[in-house]
Amino acid sequence: MDDSAIAWTKNSPLSIEKVQVEPPKAGEVRIKMTSSGICGTDDHALKGLFPLNFPLIPGHEGAGIVESIGEGVNSVKPGDKVLTLPVPQCRECSACMHPKGNFCEKQDVVPSSGLMLDGTSRFTCRGEKIYHFFRTSTFVEYTVVPEIEVAKIDDAAPMDKICIISCEVPTGYGAAVHSAKVTPGSTCVVFGLGGIGSAIVMGCKASGASRIIGIDINEEKFPRARALGVTDCINPQKLKKPVQEVVMEMTGIGADFAFEAIGLSDTMVAAWESCHLSYGVCVITGVAPPNTPFSLDGGNAFTGRTLKGTCLGDYKTRDSFPQLVTDYLQNKINIDPLITHQLPFNQLHKAFELYRAGKA
């Protein structure tokens, strides 16, 4: 029996329980988890903002060591250090086969079944089936994931840090350097200065942006954002006009690149309207609840701006995430500033309190 954090229902506190974890079946890998980040998506899931099956074990931003493998698994072996991948790479579907695609058709994000590829769960607690989360479920001592959602990484990787390369780093940093391809000397605006927004700022800075405007309602995040590269900080709640109008006034022409890292329709529209009318690029990384509409002015949609969604920085997960780990080990990227707290698993509740209070 292994320790696990279970959400029995939505909007309920996580309960640390003993859970039975089955051995891996064919094409599956059992991993001893060593570290996990907390992502905003985990919090949204626990609050019931997405349609999910409960009870479930949340967590998707994880690093661990392979404990055992099922029949047919050949990309990892027991003892390997690995990342769990919230979006798989099957290398067979239309998304995986397309040079620009990365949202694998075998993903379990939208919609989410909470089950493995064979339609069953590997977790039980008190005789009850426990659902998986994105088929990763990293808030547990041992987890079982499909081989297509595991990436072997460098043996020298520090496991207490590189877990965020399974989501936060590619989602944020990758949105700037890989998806948007921010150009030197450009002006960028980032809506939301949490973990993803901070990683976006780092990507913009690394790409040579000359001005980075950060927008957040929590001013406690501003000093850290400036340290990462933000040149101008805005609290939209203190403005007398829409924030997009203020961005337009500050830049004179609009931003070259705008990033939304919150997941609200209003901020998605504001990011779009902050862009240069002709060549601005608006990138949506935030995840809104299903069936959330957002409306754009059709009268000037033709002017040349680009609206783009991105998942995990458009990286093909199994192919690219190990290289991001190697880049970190070679000091080509520095993810350390993205980690504000490190707590033991039995203080997971405190970690979520810090996150929800805007302290992390």
Protein backbone atom coordinates (compact mmCIF):
# COMPACT_ATOMS: atom_id res chain seq x y z
CA MET A 1 0.00 0.00 0.00
CA ASP A 2 1.35 3.39 -0.97
CA ASP A 3 0.70 6.93 0.23
CA SER A 4 -1.46 8.99 -2.10
CA ALA A 5 -3.42 12.24 -2.14
CA ILE A 6 -7.02 11.54 -3.15
CA ALA A 7 -9.75 14.01 -4.03
CA TRP A 8 -12.91 12.11 -3.15
CA THR A 9 -15.20 14.79 -4.58
CA LYS A 10 -14.74 18.18 -6.20
CA ASN A 11 -14.17 21.09 -3.82
CA SER A 12 -13.09 18.71 -1.05
CA PRO A 13 -9.73 18.77 0.75
CA LEU A 14 -7.15 16.30 -0.47
CA SER A 15 -7.01 13.23 1.75
CA ILE A 16 -3.72 11.40 2.32
CA GLU A 17 -4.64 7.71 2.02
CA LYS A 18 -3.09 4.29 1.55
CA VAL A 19 -3.78 3.23 -2.03
CA GLN A 20 -3.28 -0.08 -3.83
CA VAL A 21 -1.30 0.39 -7.04
CA GLU A 22 -1.48 -2.48 -9.52
CA PRO A 23 1.53 -3.67 -11.52
CA PRO A 24 1.85 -2.23 -15.02
CA LYS A 25 0.01 -4.01 -17.82
CA ALA A 26 1.33 -4.34 -21.38
CA GLY A 27 2.60 -1.01 -22.67
CA GLU A 28 2.64 0.56 -19.21
CA VAL A 29 5.26 1.75 -16.74
CA ARG A 30 5.17 1.91 -12.94
CA ILE A 31 7.14 4.82 -11.53
CA LYS A 32 8.34 5.66 -8.03
CA MET A 33 7.59 9.37 -7.87
CA THR A 34 10.35 11.57 -6.45
CA SER A 35 8.93 15.06 -7.05
CA SER A 36 5.86 16.80 -8.41
CA GLY A 37 4.99 20.39 -9.14
CA ILE A 38 1.61 21.98 -8.51
CA CYS A 39 0.08 23.36 -11.68
CA GLY A 40 -2.91 25.66 -11.92
CA THR A 41 -4.68 22.93 -13.84
CA ASP A 42 -4.49 20.69 -10.76
CA ASP A 43 -6.21 23.38 -8.72
CA HIS A 44 -8.85 23.95 -11.40
CA ALA A 45 -9.55 20.22 -11.44
CA LEU A 46 -9.97 20.04 -7.68
CA LYS A 47 -12.39 22.98 -7.81
CA GLY A 48 -14.52 21.16 -10.40
CA LEU A 49 -13.92 23.62 -13.23
CA PHE A 50 -13.37 20.71 -15.62
CA PRO A 51 -15.62 17.67 -16.07
CA LEU A 52 -13.72 14.87 -14.31
CA ASN A 53 -14.54 11.58 -12.66
CA PHE A 54 -14.07 11.40 -8.88
CA PRO A 55 -12.51 10.13 -6.70
CA LEU A 56 -9.19 10.81 -8.39
CA ILE A 57 -5.48 11.21 -7.69
CA PRO A 58 -4.41 14.57 -9.14
CA GLY A 59 -0.99 15.78 -10.23
CA HIS A 60 0.61 15.70 -13.67
CA GLU A 61 3.91 17.57 -13.37
CA GLY A 62 6.14 14.78 -12.15
CA ALA A 63 9.56 13.19 -12.11
CA GLY A 64 10.47 9.74 -10.86
CA ILE A 65 12.36 6.50 -11.32
CA VAL A 66 11.02 3.52 -13.25
CA GLU A 67 10.21 0.69 -10.84
CA SER A 68 8.84 -1.88 -13.30
CA ILE A 69 7.60 -2.15 -16.88
CA GLY A 70 4.87 -4.07 -18.62
CA GLU A 71 5.14 -6.35 -21.61
CA GLY A 72 6.31 -4.69 -24.80
CA VAL A 73 7.83 -1.59 -23.17
CA ASN A 74 11.21 -0.84 -24.74
CA SER A 75 11.83 2.92 -24.38
CA VAL A 76 12.54 2.79 -20.62
CA LYS A 77 13.80 0.22 -18.14
CA PRO A 78 13.78 -0.14 -14.33
CA GLY A 79 16.11 2.41 -12.75
CA ASP A 80 15.70 5.05 -15.46
CA LYS A 81 14.94 8.60 -14.44
CA VAL A 82 11.82 9.81 -16.24
CA LEU A 83 9.30 12.61 -16.58
CA THR A 84 5.57 11.97 -16.68
CA LEU A 85 3.90 13.62 -19.67
CA PRO A 86 0.41 15.15 -19.34
CA VAL A 87 0.04 14.84 -23.13
CA PRO A 88 1.39 11.64 -24.71
CA GLN A 89 3.23 11.16 -27.97
CA CYS A 90 2.04 7.93 -29.56
CA ARG A 91 3.93 8.65 -32.81
CA GLU A 92 1.07 7.10 -34.79
CA CYS A 93 -1.92 9.51 -34.80
CA SER A 94 -2.54 12.46 -37.13
CA ALA A 95 -1.25 14.99 -34.57
CA CYS A 96 1.93 13.07 -33.83
CA MET A 97 2.62 12.39 -37.51
CA HIS A 98 2.17 16.04 -38.51
CA PRO A 99 5.40 18.06 -38.19
CA LYS A 100 3.62 20.82 -36.22
CA GLY A 101 1.21 18.69 -34.20
CA ASN A 102 1.66 17.73 -30.55
CA PHE A 103 -1.84 17.27 -29.08
CA CYS A 104 -1.81 13.49 -29.40
CA GLU A 105 -5.16 11.84 -30.10
CA LYS A 106 -4.54 9.41 -27.23
CA GLN A 107 -4.51 12.24 -24.68
CA ASP A 108 -6.87 12.13 -21.71
CA VAL A 109 -7.18 15.86 -21.10
CA VAL A 110 -10.27 16.91 -23.11
CA PRO A 111 -12.39 15.01 -22.52
CA SER A 112 -10.95 13.17 -19.53
CA SER A 113 -11.99 9.58 -18.82
CA GLY A 114 -9.70 9.17 -15.82
CA LEU A 115 -8.85 5.68 -17.05
CA MET A 116 -5.91 3.98 -18.70
CA LEU A 117 -5.91 3.22 -22.43
CA ASP A 118 -7.67 -0.13 -21.81
CA GLY A 119 -10.52 1.62 -19.97
CA THR A 120 -9.56 0.50 -16.45
CA SER A 121 -7.83 2.04 -13.41
CA ARG A 122 -4.66 0.93 -11.62
CA PHE A 123 -5.65 2.51 -8.29
CA THR A 124 -7.96 1.27 -5.54
CA CYS A 125 -8.57 2.63 -2.04
CA ARG A 126 -10.92 1.23 0.59
CA GLY A 127 -12.18 -1.18 -2.04
CA GLU A 128 -13.18 1.65 -4.39
CA LYS A 129 -11.81 2.42 -7.85
CA ILE A 130 -9.78 5.64 -7.96
CA TYR A 131 -9.54 7.54 -11.24
CA HIS A 132 -6.33 8.75 -12.88
CA PHE A 133 -5.66 12.39 -13.82
CA PHE A 134 -4.37 12.87 -17.38
CA ARG A 135 -3.14 9.26 -16.96
CA THR A 136 -0.25 10.62 -14.86
CA SER A 137 -1.51 11.08 -11.24
CA THR A 138 1.74 12.24 -9.68
CA PHE A 139 0.48 12.92 -6.13
CA VAL A 140 1.22 9.33 -5.14
CA GLU A 141 4.22 7.27 -4.06
CA TYR A 142 3.95 4.98 -7.09
CA THR A 143 2.00 5.68 -10.26
CA VAL A 144 1.30 3.72 -13.43
CA VAL A 145 1.31 5.50 -16.80
CA PRO A 146 1.27 4.44 -20.46
CA GLU A 147 4.70 4.17 -22.05
CA ILE A 148 3.66 6.90 -24.49
CA GLU A 149 3.42 9.30 -21.51
CA VAL A 150 6.93 8.70 -20.18
CA ALA A 151 10.20 10.32 -21.26
CA LYS A 152 13.61 9.03 -20.18
CA ILE A 153 15.91 11.82 -19.04
CA ASP A 154 19.59 12.32 -18.21
CA ASP A 155 20.81 10.33 -15.21
CA ALA A 156 22.40 13.50 -13.80
CA ALA A 157 19.09 15.35 -13.59
CA PRO A 158 18.26 16.76 -10.12
CA MET A 159 14.89 15.18 -9.44
CA ASP A 160 13.75 17.82 -6.96
CA LYS A 161 13.72 20.46 -9.68
CA ILE A 162 13.24 19.02 -13.14
CA CYS A 163 9.65 17.86 -12.51
CA ILE A 164 8.46 21.28 -13.73
CA ILE A 165 9.93 20.49 -17.15
CA SER A 166 7.00 18.10 -17.62
CA CYS A 167 4.55 21.04 -17.81
CA GLU A 168 5.41 24.55 -16.58
CA VAL A 169 8.65 25.04 -18.48
CA PRO A 170 7.53 23.84 -21.94
CA THR A 171 4.11 25.46 -21.54
CA GLY A 172 5.50 28.89 -20.63
CA TYR A 173 9.08 29.11 -21.82
CA GLY A 174 8.18 27.06 -24.89
CA ALA A 175 5.24 29.33 -25.74
CA ALA A 176 7.71 32.18 -26.20
CA VAL A 177 10.75 30.51 -27.74
CA HIS A 178 9.16 27.65 -29.69
CA SER A 179 5.52 28.45 -30.38
CA ALA A 180 5.47 32.24 -30.84
CA LYS A 181 9.18 32.47 -31.70
CA VAL A 182 9.62 35.84 -30.02
CA THR A 183 12.07 38.02 -31.94
CA PRO A 184 14.96 40.16 -30.65
CA GLY A 185 13.99 43.75 -29.89
CA SER A 186 10.27 42.97 -29.72
CA THR A 187 7.67 44.14 -27.22
CA CYS A 188 5.80 41.42 -25.34
CA VAL A 189 2.85 41.55 -22.94
CA VAL A 190 2.11 38.71 -20.54
CA PHE A 191 -1.30 38.35 -18.88
CA GLY A 192 -0.83 36.43 -15.63
CA LEU A 193 2.45 36.28 -13.70
CA GLY A 194 2.05 32.92 -11.98
CA GLY A 195 4.18 29.90 -12.80
CA ILE A 196 3.31 29.73 -16.49
CA GLY A 197 3.44 33.50 -16.93
CA SER A 198 6.83 33.63 -15.21
CA ALA A 199 8.15 30.95 -17.56
CA ILE A 200 6.79 32.95 -20.52
CA VAL A 201 8.66 36.01 -19.25
CA MET A 202 11.87 33.98 -19.09
CA GLY A 203 11.32 32.81 -22.66
CA CYS A 204 10.70 36.34 -23.90
CA LYS A 205 13.83 37.55 -22.13
CA ALA A 206 15.91 34.70 -23.53
CA SER A 207 14.62 35.50 -27.02
CA GLY A 208 15.85 39.09 -26.77
CA ALA A 209 12.61 40.99 -26.19
CA SER A 210 13.42 44.60 -25.37
CA ARG A 211 10.21 45.32 -23.44
CA ILE A 212 8.09 42.90 -21.42
CA ILE A 213 4.86 44.18 -19.90
CA GLY A 214 3.50 42.00 -17.10
CA ILE A 215 -0.14 42.12 -16.02
CA ASP A 216 -1.53 40.65 -12.80
CA ILE A 217 -3.96 41.64 -10.04
CA ASN A 218 -1.54 40.39 -7.37
CA GLU A 219 1.15 43.05 -6.95
CA GLU A 220 3.15 40.78 -4.63
CA LYS A 221 4.27 39.02 -7.82
CA PHE A 222 5.74 42.19 -9.35
CA PRO A 223 9.22 42.23 -7.72
CA ARG A 224 9.87 38.64 -8.75
CA ALA A 225 8.51 39.32 -12.25
CA ARG A 226 10.88 42.26 -12.63
CA ALA A 227 13.78 40.06 -11.54
CA LEU A 228 12.86 37.64 -14.32
CA GLY A 229 12.79 40.35 -16.98
CA VAL A 230 9.50 42.25 -16.82
CA THR A 231 10.09 45.94 -17.56
CA ASP A 232 6.59 47.28 -16.80
CA CYS A 233 4.05 45.91 -14.30
CA ILE A 234 0.32 46.67 -14.46
CA ASN A 235 -2.47 45.90 -12.01
CA PRO A 236 -5.61 46.12 -14.19
CA GLN A 237 -7.81 46.60 -11.12
CA LYS A 238 -6.22 50.01 -10.57
CA LEU A 239 -6.89 51.25 -14.08
CA LYS A 240 -9.73 53.53 -15.13
CA LYS A 241 -9.84 52.03 -18.62
CA PRO A 242 -9.45 48.54 -20.13
CA VAL A 243 -5.92 47.21 -19.78
CA GLN A 244 -5.62 46.65 -23.54
CA GLU A 245 -6.13 50.38 -24.08
CA VAL A 246 -3.36 51.12 -21.60
CA VAL A 247 -1.03 48.69 -23.39
CA MET A 248 -1.82 50.42 -26.67
CA GLU A 249 -1.01 53.80 -25.12
CA MET A 250 2.22 52.52 -23.59
CA THR A 251 3.46 50.99 -26.83
CA GLY A 252 1.92 53.43 -29.29
CA ILE A 253 1.22 50.65 -31.76
CA GLY A 254 0.47 47.52 -29.75
CA ALA A 255 2.60 44.57 -28.70
CA ASP A 256 4.46 42.33 -31.10
CA PHE A 257 3.56 39.33 -28.95
CA ALA A 258 0.83 38.90 -26.32
CA PHE A 259 0.48 35.85 -24.07
CA GLU A 260 -2.53 34.81 -22.01
CA ALA A 261 -1.64 32.59 -19.05
CA ILE A 262 -4.78 32.80 -16.93
CA GLY A 263 -7.61 30.96 -18.69
CA LEU A 264 -10.34 33.64 -18.65
CA SER A 265 -12.25 34.77 -21.73
CA ASP A 266 -11.89 38.45 -20.76
CA THR A 267 -8.11 38.23 -20.55
CA MET A 268 -7.95 36.27 -23.81
CA VAL A 269 -9.81 39.11 -25.54
CA ALA A 270 -7.61 41.70 -23.80
CA ALA A 271 -4.46 39.92 -24.98
CA TRP A 272 -5.79 39.84 -28.57
CA GLU A 273 -6.67 43.53 -28.44
CA SER A 274 -3.20 44.39 -27.06
CA CYS A 275 -1.52 43.17 -30.25
CA HIS A 276 -0.37 45.24 -33.19
CA LEU A 277 -3.22 45.25 -35.68
CA SER A 278 -1.11 44.09 -38.60
CA TYR A 279 1.53 41.69 -37.32
CA GLY A 280 0.83 41.08 -33.65
CA VAL A 281 0.77 37.49 -32.42
CA CYS A 282 -1.54 36.47 -29.56
CA VAL A 283 -0.78 33.14 -27.90
CA ILE A 284 -3.27 31.48 -25.56
CA THR A 285 -1.75 29.13 -22.97
CA GLY A 286 -4.46 29.49 -20.31
CA VAL A 287 -7.08 26.74 -20.07
CA ALA A 288 -10.65 27.95 -19.66
CA PRO A 289 -13.47 25.68 -18.48
CA PRO A 290 -15.15 23.72 -21.32
CA ASN A 291 -17.70 25.57 -23.45
CA THR A 292 -16.41 28.98 -22.39
CA PRO A 293 -17.05 31.37 -25.30
CA PHE A 294 -15.00 34.45 -26.02
CA SER A 295 -15.93 37.07 -28.58
CA LEU A 296 -13.64 39.09 -30.82
CA ASP A 297 -14.48 42.15 -32.88
CA GLY A 298 -15.14 40.74 -36.35
CA GLY A 299 -14.75 44.19 -37.87
CA ASN A 300 -10.97 44.16 -37.58
CA ALA A 301 -10.22 40.45 -37.54
CA PHE A 302 -8.90 40.71 -41.11
CA THR A 303 -6.01 43.07 -40.40
CA GLY A 304 -3.27 40.46 -40.10
CA ARG A 305 -2.99 39.64 -36.40
CA THR A 306 -2.50 35.99 -35.49
CA LEU A 307 -4.44 34.22 -32.74
CA LYS A 308 -2.84 30.95 -31.70
CA GLY A 309 -3.42 28.40 -29.00
CA THR A 310 -0.52 26.35 -27.73
CA CYS A 311 -0.24 23.25 -25.57
CA LEU A 312 3.08 22.51 -23.89
CA GLY A 313 4.83 24.99 -26.16
CA ASP A 314 3.97 22.95 -29.28
CA TYR A 315 6.73 20.52 -28.33
CA LYS A 316 6.39 16.84 -29.19
CA THR A 317 6.63 15.63 -25.62
CA ARG A 318 8.68 12.41 -25.74
CA ASP A 319 11.00 13.81 -28.38
CA SER A 320 11.61 17.24 -26.84
CA PHE A 321 11.29 17.20 -23.06
CA PRO A 322 14.49 15.17 -22.47
CA GLN A 323 16.39 17.82 -24.44
CA LEU A 324 14.96 20.56 -22.21
CA VAL A 325 16.33 18.66 -19.21
CA THR A 326 19.72 18.42 -20.92
CA ASP A 327 19.61 22.14 -21.74
CA TYR A 328 19.06 22.83 -18.04
CA LEU A 329 21.98 20.62 -17.05
CA GLN A 330 24.16 22.47 -19.60
CA ASN A 331 23.07 25.87 -18.23
CA LYS A 332 21.35 26.82 -21.47
CA ILE A 333 18.14 27.51 -19.53
CA ASN A 334 17.72 28.19 -15.81
CA ILE A 335 14.50 26.90 -14.29
CA ASP A 336 15.54 27.49 -10.66
CA PRO A 337 13.79 30.89 -10.35
CA LEU A 338 10.48 29.20 -11.18
CA ILE A 339 10.59 27.19 -7.93
CA THR A 340 9.65 29.25 -4.88
CA HIS A 341 8.95 26.50 -2.32
CA GLN A 342 9.92 22.86 -1.77
CA LEU A 343 7.87 20.87 0.73
CA PRO A 344 7.60 17.18 1.71
CA PHE A 345 4.65 15.22 0.36
CA ASN A 346 2.88 15.20 3.73
CA GLN A 347 2.66 19.01 3.49
CA LEU A 348 0.80 18.97 0.18
CA HIS A 349 -2.08 20.84 1.83
CA LYS A 350 0.29 23.66 2.80
CA ALA A 351 1.64 23.74 -0.76
CA PHE A 352 -1.86 24.30 -2.13
CA GLU A 353 -2.49 26.97 0.51
CA LEU A 354 0.63 28.82 -0.65
CA TYR A 355 -0.45 28.48 -4.26
CA ARG A 356 -4.01 29.70 -3.63
CA ALA A 357 -2.75 32.63 -1.56
CA GLY A 358 -0.60 33.79 -4.48
CA LYS A 359 2.60 33.17 -2.51
CA ALA A 360 4.11 30.61 -4.90
